[in-house]
Amino acid sequence: MSQILLTISTFLAACIRMATPLTLAGLGEAFSERTGVMNLGVEAIMLCGAFGSFMVTFWTGNVYWGMLCGMLAGMLISGIHAILCIKCKANQTIVGLALNFFALGLTSFLFLIVFGQSTILPQCKTVPNFEFPLLGKIPLLGKAFFTHNIFVYLMYLLVFIFLFIYKKTEWGVIFTAVGEHPSAADTAGINVFRIRYLACMINGLLGGLAGSYFTLAQLGFFMEDITAGKGYIALVTVILGRRNPFGILCSALLIGLADAVQFQLQTMNIPIPSQAFSILPYIAAVFVLLFSAGKSSDPSALGIPYERDNR
């Protein structure tokens, strides 16, 4: 019986670890979309965050400086998207997708320039796991939910912070107003452009943090296309979770469950190519998208550049 409980606890912990970067990136994108800015370049933000965090941690040996640099790198990419879409009124979908290809090429090129071609990937320090005081002692759940690294605990905290902002503060009303009726918000004295820029920066910060998770918590190294499409899956969590922080977390856990299952299956020596198991999270993402079809509640001004002269 104790072995079964240990297996369940370990599996739940794996689900949470897999869901962490998806939730962090999803929270950032949902925040941006609530103000009317859709950024399909989440993959680019995460990829640059992973690269920046790895490089700084590799050179300094300090994972927390690496996390900070990862967030700054994500904000830089998101800032480019913001300028092109808010100031230049470019198509948000095209800019986001273009940034994904740009980031993939840029990070691969810079990594090759710095380290050259090698079969041995350079390693960096990773953040340690630690047991959360008191809560970590809870039977079964303590091991599963409260014996993790700082990224997971930040995810927990941010879900509640964003829930509080949306439901209990004036800022939540402002962000919603800018995304639903920017002209009315502008008339009421709200600076629509400033709010959207702020939302984009927060999107970049959280997306960069999500990317840092891969290098500083999960792997301890960087490689080409390290995010492997996780930015697109983070977009799925936003859609299925209806831009609600708790909904995004639940959606990420559902996809994290598929990810944990595929890793478990790969260790069971089943005579099936490992690539077949690797597609399970993406199959899960497609199914949850089908499940959410017709249930979307997009902000009225999502993806539409705001023209002050058109009030």
Protein backbone atom coordinates (compact mmCIF):
# COMPACT_ATOMS: atom_id res chain seq x y z
CA MET A 1 0.00 0.00 0.00
CA SER A 2 2.78 2.42 0.90
CA GLN A 3 4.47 1.68 -2.44
CA ILE A 4 1.25 2.54 -4.29
CA LEU A 5 0.90 5.83 -2.41
CA LEU A 6 4.53 6.67 -3.14
CA THR A 7 3.97 5.96 -6.85
CA ILE A 8 0.87 8.18 -6.91
CA SER A 9 2.70 10.97 -5.09
CA THR A 10 5.65 10.78 -7.48
CA PHE A 11 3.36 10.82 -10.50
CA LEU A 12 1.44 13.86 -9.19
CA ALA A 13 4.74 15.66 -8.57
CA ALA A 14 5.77 14.93 -12.18
CA CYS A 15 2.47 16.36 -13.47
CA ILE A 16 3.07 19.57 -11.53
CA ARG A 17 6.64 19.90 -12.80
CA MET A 18 5.48 19.47 -16.40
CA ALA A 19 2.66 21.97 -15.90
CA THR A 20 4.84 24.70 -14.36
CA PRO A 21 6.30 26.32 -17.51
CA LEU A 22 2.94 26.07 -19.29
CA THR A 23 1.17 27.80 -16.41
CA LEU A 24 3.75 30.57 -16.08
CA ALA A 25 3.69 31.33 -19.80
CA GLY A 26 -0.10 30.99 -19.91
CA LEU A 27 -0.58 33.48 -17.08
CA GLY A 28 1.54 36.03 -18.93
CA GLU A 29 -0.24 35.56 -22.25
CA ALA A 30 -3.67 35.71 -20.61
CA PHE A 31 -2.68 38.98 -18.93
CA SER A 32 -1.70 40.43 -22.31
CA GLU A 33 -4.83 39.16 -24.05
CA ARG A 34 -7.08 40.66 -21.39
CA THR A 35 -5.87 44.08 -22.56
CA GLY A 36 -6.43 43.23 -26.23
CA VAL A 37 -2.89 42.24 -27.29
CA MET A 38 -2.55 38.69 -28.64
CA ASN A 39 1.01 37.42 -28.79
CA LEU A 40 1.51 34.12 -30.61
CA GLY A 41 5.22 34.56 -30.01
CA VAL A 42 5.10 32.88 -26.60
CA GLU A 43 7.45 30.24 -28.01
CA ALA A 44 9.96 32.99 -28.88
CA ILE A 45 9.71 34.52 -25.41
CA MET A 46 10.28 31.16 -23.72
CA LEU A 47 13.14 30.23 -26.04
CA CYS A 48 14.98 33.51 -25.45
CA GLY A 49 14.32 33.22 -21.72
CA ALA A 50 15.85 29.74 -21.73
CA PHE A 51 18.90 30.92 -23.67
CA GLY A 52 19.47 34.05 -21.57
CA SER A 53 19.10 32.23 -18.28
CA PHE A 54 21.48 29.48 -19.36
CA MET A 55 24.20 31.84 -20.58
CA VAL A 56 24.22 33.98 -17.43
CA THR A 57 24.09 30.97 -15.11
CA PHE A 58 26.87 29.26 -17.07
CA TRP A 59 29.11 32.35 -16.82
CA THR A 60 28.29 33.44 -13.27
CA GLY A 61 27.38 30.16 -11.58
CA ASN A 62 24.39 31.95 -10.00
CA VAL A 63 20.98 30.54 -10.94
CA TYR A 64 19.11 33.56 -9.58
CA TRP A 65 21.03 35.94 -11.84
CA GLY A 66 20.17 33.49 -14.59
CA MET A 67 16.46 33.65 -13.75
CA LEU A 68 16.60 37.45 -13.81
CA CYS A 69 18.32 37.49 -17.19
CA GLY A 70 15.80 34.99 -18.55
CA MET A 71 12.97 37.30 -17.56
CA LEU A 72 14.74 40.30 -19.10
CA ALA A 73 15.30 38.38 -22.35
CA GLY A 74 11.60 37.51 -22.45
CA MET A 75 10.67 41.14 -21.85
CA LEU A 76 12.95 42.22 -24.71
CA ILE A 77 11.23 39.92 -27.20
CA SER A 78 7.79 40.87 -25.91
CA GLY A 79 8.80 44.53 -26.12
CA ILE A 80 9.62 44.12 -29.82
CA HIS A 81 6.19 42.59 -30.33
CA ALA A 82 4.57 45.42 -28.38
CA ILE A 83 6.25 48.18 -30.39
CA LEU A 84 5.37 46.57 -33.72
CA CYS A 85 1.75 45.83 -32.76
CA ILE A 86 0.82 48.77 -30.52
CA LYS A 87 2.83 51.61 -32.03
CA CYS A 88 3.21 50.44 -35.64
CA LYS A 89 -0.23 48.74 -35.74
CA ALA A 90 1.21 45.58 -37.35
CA ASN A 91 -0.81 42.37 -37.55
CA GLN A 92 -0.41 40.70 -34.16
CA THR A 93 -0.66 37.14 -35.45
CA ILE A 94 1.98 37.58 -38.14
CA VAL A 95 4.39 39.41 -35.81
CA GLY A 96 4.09 36.71 -33.16
CA LEU A 97 4.72 33.86 -35.58
CA ALA A 98 7.62 35.74 -37.18
CA LEU A 99 9.23 36.23 -33.77
CA ASN A 100 9.06 32.48 -33.15
CA PHE A 101 11.17 31.77 -36.22
CA PHE A 102 13.47 34.69 -35.46
CA ALA A 103 14.12 33.50 -31.90
CA LEU A 104 14.76 29.93 -33.01
CA GLY A 105 17.37 31.06 -35.51
CA LEU A 106 18.93 33.67 -33.23
CA THR A 107 19.38 31.43 -30.18
CA SER A 108 20.75 28.56 -32.29
CA PHE A 109 23.20 30.91 -34.02
CA LEU A 110 24.41 32.56 -30.80
CA PHE A 111 24.81 29.20 -29.06
CA LEU A 112 26.88 27.92 -31.98
CA ILE A 113 29.03 31.08 -31.99
CA VAL A 114 29.77 30.82 -28.26
CA PHE A 115 30.26 27.05 -27.86
CA GLY A 116 30.87 25.79 -31.39
CA GLN A 117 29.79 22.39 -32.64
CA SER A 118 30.16 19.69 -30.01
CA THR A 119 28.53 16.41 -29.11
CA ILE A 120 28.78 17.31 -25.41
CA LEU A 121 26.42 20.05 -24.29
CA PRO A 122 27.77 22.50 -21.69
CA GLN A 123 26.09 22.22 -18.30
CA CYS A 124 24.93 24.88 -15.85
CA LYS A 125 23.75 24.86 -12.24
CA THR A 126 20.10 24.14 -11.50
CA VAL A 127 17.79 25.29 -8.73
CA PRO A 128 17.41 22.83 -5.85
CA ASN A 129 14.19 21.25 -4.65
CA PHE A 130 13.19 21.99 -1.08
CA GLU A 131 10.34 21.01 1.18
CA PHE A 132 7.89 23.80 1.97
CA PRO A 133 7.62 24.28 5.75
CA LEU A 134 4.69 22.45 7.40
CA LEU A 135 2.82 21.81 4.12
CA GLY A 136 5.55 19.45 2.95
CA LYS A 137 4.75 17.14 5.88
CA ILE A 138 1.18 16.42 4.73
CA PRO A 139 0.88 12.70 3.87
CA LEU A 140 0.85 12.00 0.12
CA LEU A 141 -0.04 15.58 -0.91
CA GLY A 142 2.98 17.14 0.80
CA LYS A 143 5.42 15.14 -1.30
CA ALA A 144 3.45 15.76 -4.48
CA PHE A 145 2.69 19.48 -4.13
CA PHE A 146 5.17 20.96 -1.68
CA THR A 147 8.57 19.39 -2.38
CA HIS A 148 9.64 21.30 -5.45
CA ASN A 149 11.86 24.11 -6.66
CA ILE A 150 11.31 27.87 -6.56
CA PHE A 151 9.66 27.91 -10.01
CA VAL A 152 6.78 25.73 -8.81
CA TYR A 153 6.21 27.82 -5.67
CA LEU A 154 6.28 31.00 -7.76
CA MET A 155 3.64 29.43 -10.02
CA TYR A 156 1.38 28.74 -7.02
CA LEU A 157 1.83 32.29 -5.75
CA LEU A 158 1.25 33.95 -9.13
CA VAL A 159 -2.01 32.07 -9.72
CA PHE A 160 -3.44 33.53 -6.52
CA ILE A 161 -1.96 36.99 -7.16
CA PHE A 162 -3.56 37.20 -10.60
CA LEU A 163 -6.87 35.89 -9.27
CA PHE A 164 -6.81 38.62 -6.63
CA ILE A 165 -5.91 41.32 -9.17
CA TYR A 166 -8.70 40.32 -11.57
CA LYS A 167 -11.42 39.85 -8.95
CA LYS A 168 -10.64 42.29 -6.16
CA THR A 169 -8.71 45.29 -7.46
CA GLU A 170 -9.35 48.35 -9.61
CA TRP A 171 -6.45 47.29 -11.83
CA GLY A 172 -8.36 44.17 -12.81
CA VAL A 173 -11.27 46.32 -13.96
CA ILE A 174 -8.91 48.60 -15.91
CA PHE A 175 -7.20 45.71 -17.72
CA THR A 176 -10.58 44.23 -18.66
CA ALA A 177 -11.93 47.59 -19.82
CA VAL A 178 -8.93 48.16 -22.09
CA GLY A 179 -9.43 44.76 -23.70
CA GLU A 180 -13.20 45.00 -24.04
CA HIS A 181 -13.86 48.69 -24.78
CA PRO A 182 -10.61 50.62 -25.32
CA SER A 183 -12.40 53.71 -26.62
CA ALA A 184 -14.58 53.92 -23.51
CA ALA A 185 -11.55 53.32 -21.31
CA ASP A 186 -9.68 56.11 -23.11
CA THR A 187 -12.63 58.46 -22.65
CA ALA A 188 -12.59 57.64 -18.93
CA GLY A 189 -8.97 58.83 -18.73
CA ILE A 190 -7.21 55.45 -18.93
CA ASN A 191 -4.06 55.44 -21.04
CA VAL A 192 -4.81 52.47 -23.29
CA PHE A 193 -1.36 52.37 -24.86
CA ARG A 194 0.44 52.44 -21.50
CA ILE A 195 -1.73 49.64 -20.10
CA ARG A 196 -1.10 47.49 -23.16
CA TYR A 197 2.65 48.07 -23.02
CA LEU A 198 2.61 47.13 -19.33
CA ALA A 199 0.68 43.94 -20.06
CA CYS A 200 3.14 43.00 -22.80
CA MET A 201 6.09 43.49 -20.45
CA ILE A 202 4.49 41.27 -17.81
CA ASN A 203 3.80 38.69 -20.53
CA GLY A 204 7.49 38.77 -21.48
CA LEU A 205 8.62 38.55 -17.86
CA LEU A 206 6.53 35.46 -17.12
CA GLY A 207 7.27 33.84 -20.48
CA GLY A 208 10.99 34.37 -19.91
CA LEU A 209 10.64 32.83 -16.46
CA ALA A 210 8.86 29.86 -18.02
CA GLY A 211 11.71 29.43 -20.49
CA SER A 212 14.25 29.61 -17.68
CA TYR A 213 12.53 26.60 -16.12
CA PHE A 214 13.81 24.32 -18.88
CA THR A 215 17.47 25.22 -18.40
CA LEU A 216 17.59 25.95 -14.67
CA ALA A 217 15.17 23.37 -13.27
CA GLN A 218 14.41 20.62 -15.75
CA LEU A 219 17.55 20.01 -17.83
CA GLY A 220 20.59 22.01 -16.70
CA PHE A 221 21.71 22.72 -20.26
CA PHE A 222 20.61 24.53 -23.43
CA MET A 223 20.10 23.05 -26.87
CA GLU A 224 18.52 24.12 -30.12
CA ASP A 225 14.71 24.43 -29.90
CA ILE A 226 14.78 23.45 -26.23
CA THR A 227 11.16 24.52 -25.72
CA ALA A 228 9.99 22.12 -28.48
CA GLY A 229 6.65 23.82 -29.08
CA LYS A 230 5.72 24.31 -25.42
CA GLY A 231 4.93 27.97 -26.17
CA TYR A 232 2.14 26.87 -28.50
CA ILE A 233 0.81 24.49 -25.86
CA ALA A 234 0.83 27.38 -23.37
CA LEU A 235 -1.52 29.18 -25.78
CA VAL A 236 -3.84 26.16 -25.56
CA THR A 237 -3.98 26.49 -21.76
CA VAL A 238 -5.01 30.13 -22.18
CA ILE A 239 -7.86 29.18 -24.51
CA LEU A 240 -9.09 26.23 -22.47
CA GLY A 241 -8.66 28.10 -19.18
CA ARG A 242 -10.60 31.08 -20.59
CA ARG A 243 -7.85 33.44 -19.41
CA ASN A 244 -8.69 32.61 -15.80
CA PRO A 245 -5.57 31.89 -13.69
CA PHE A 246 -7.06 28.83 -12.00
CA GLY A 247 -8.43 27.59 -15.33
CA ILE A 248 -5.00 27.95 -16.91
CA LEU A 249 -3.43 25.98 -14.05
CA CYS A 250 -5.97 23.16 -14.43
CA SER A 251 -5.47 23.07 -18.20
CA ALA A 252 -1.70 22.94 -17.76
CA LEU A 253 -2.05 20.11 -15.24
CA LEU A 254 -4.17 18.15 -17.72
CA ILE A 255 -1.51 18.49 -20.41
CA GLY A 256 1.21 17.91 -17.80
CA LEU A 257 -0.52 14.63 -16.99
CA ALA A 258 -0.09 13.51 -20.61
CA ASP A 259 3.55 14.60 -20.49
CA ALA A 260 4.17 12.63 -17.29
CA VAL A 261 2.47 9.56 -18.80
CA GLN A 262 4.69 9.65 -21.88
CA PHE A 263 7.83 9.81 -19.75
CA GLN A 264 6.58 6.89 -17.66
CA LEU A 265 5.83 4.84 -20.77
CA GLN A 266 9.32 5.46 -22.14
CA THR A 267 10.81 3.84 -19.02
CA MET A 268 8.74 0.66 -19.39
CA ASN A 269 10.71 -0.79 -22.32
CA ILE A 270 7.62 -1.04 -24.51
CA PRO A 271 8.66 -1.97 -28.10
CA ILE A 272 7.32 1.27 -29.58
CA PRO A 273 9.51 4.15 -30.84
CA SER A 274 9.96 6.85 -28.20
CA GLN A 275 8.71 9.45 -30.70
CA ALA A 276 5.26 7.87 -30.48
CA PHE A 277 5.15 8.60 -26.75
CA SER A 278 6.55 12.11 -27.18
CA ILE A 279 3.51 13.24 -29.15
CA LEU A 280 1.10 12.47 -26.28
CA PRO A 281 1.17 16.03 -24.83
CA TYR A 282 0.43 17.47 -28.28
CA ILE A 283 -2.42 15.01 -28.82
CA ALA A 284 -3.79 16.08 -25.44
CA ALA A 285 -3.50 19.72 -26.51
CA VAL A 286 -5.52 19.01 -29.67
CA PHE A 287 -8.23 17.22 -27.69
CA VAL A 288 -8.59 20.04 -25.17
CA LEU A 289 -8.82 22.52 -28.06
CA LEU A 290 -11.63 20.45 -29.57
CA PHE A 291 -13.29 20.33 -26.15
CA SER A 292 -13.15 24.12 -25.87
CA ALA A 293 -14.44 24.78 -29.40
CA GLY A 294 -17.27 27.30 -29.33
CA LYS A 295 -16.73 28.10 -25.66
CA SER A 296 -14.23 30.92 -26.09
CA SER A 297 -14.89 34.30 -24.50
CA ASP A 298 -12.35 36.52 -26.22
CA PRO A 299 -12.10 40.19 -25.25
CA SER A 300 -13.93 42.32 -27.80
CA ALA A 301 -10.79 44.20 -28.86
CA LEU A 302 -8.43 41.20 -28.89
CA GLY A 303 -5.96 41.49 -31.76
CA ILE A 304 -7.32 44.86 -32.88
CA PRO A 305 -4.88 47.81 -32.83
CA TYR A 306 -6.30 50.81 -31.01
CA GLU A 307 -6.62 54.03 -32.98
CA ARG A 308 -7.19 57.00 -30.69
CA ASP A 309 -8.53 59.10 -33.59
CA ASN A 310 -11.32 56.58 -34.11
CA ARG A 311 -12.98 57.18 -30.77
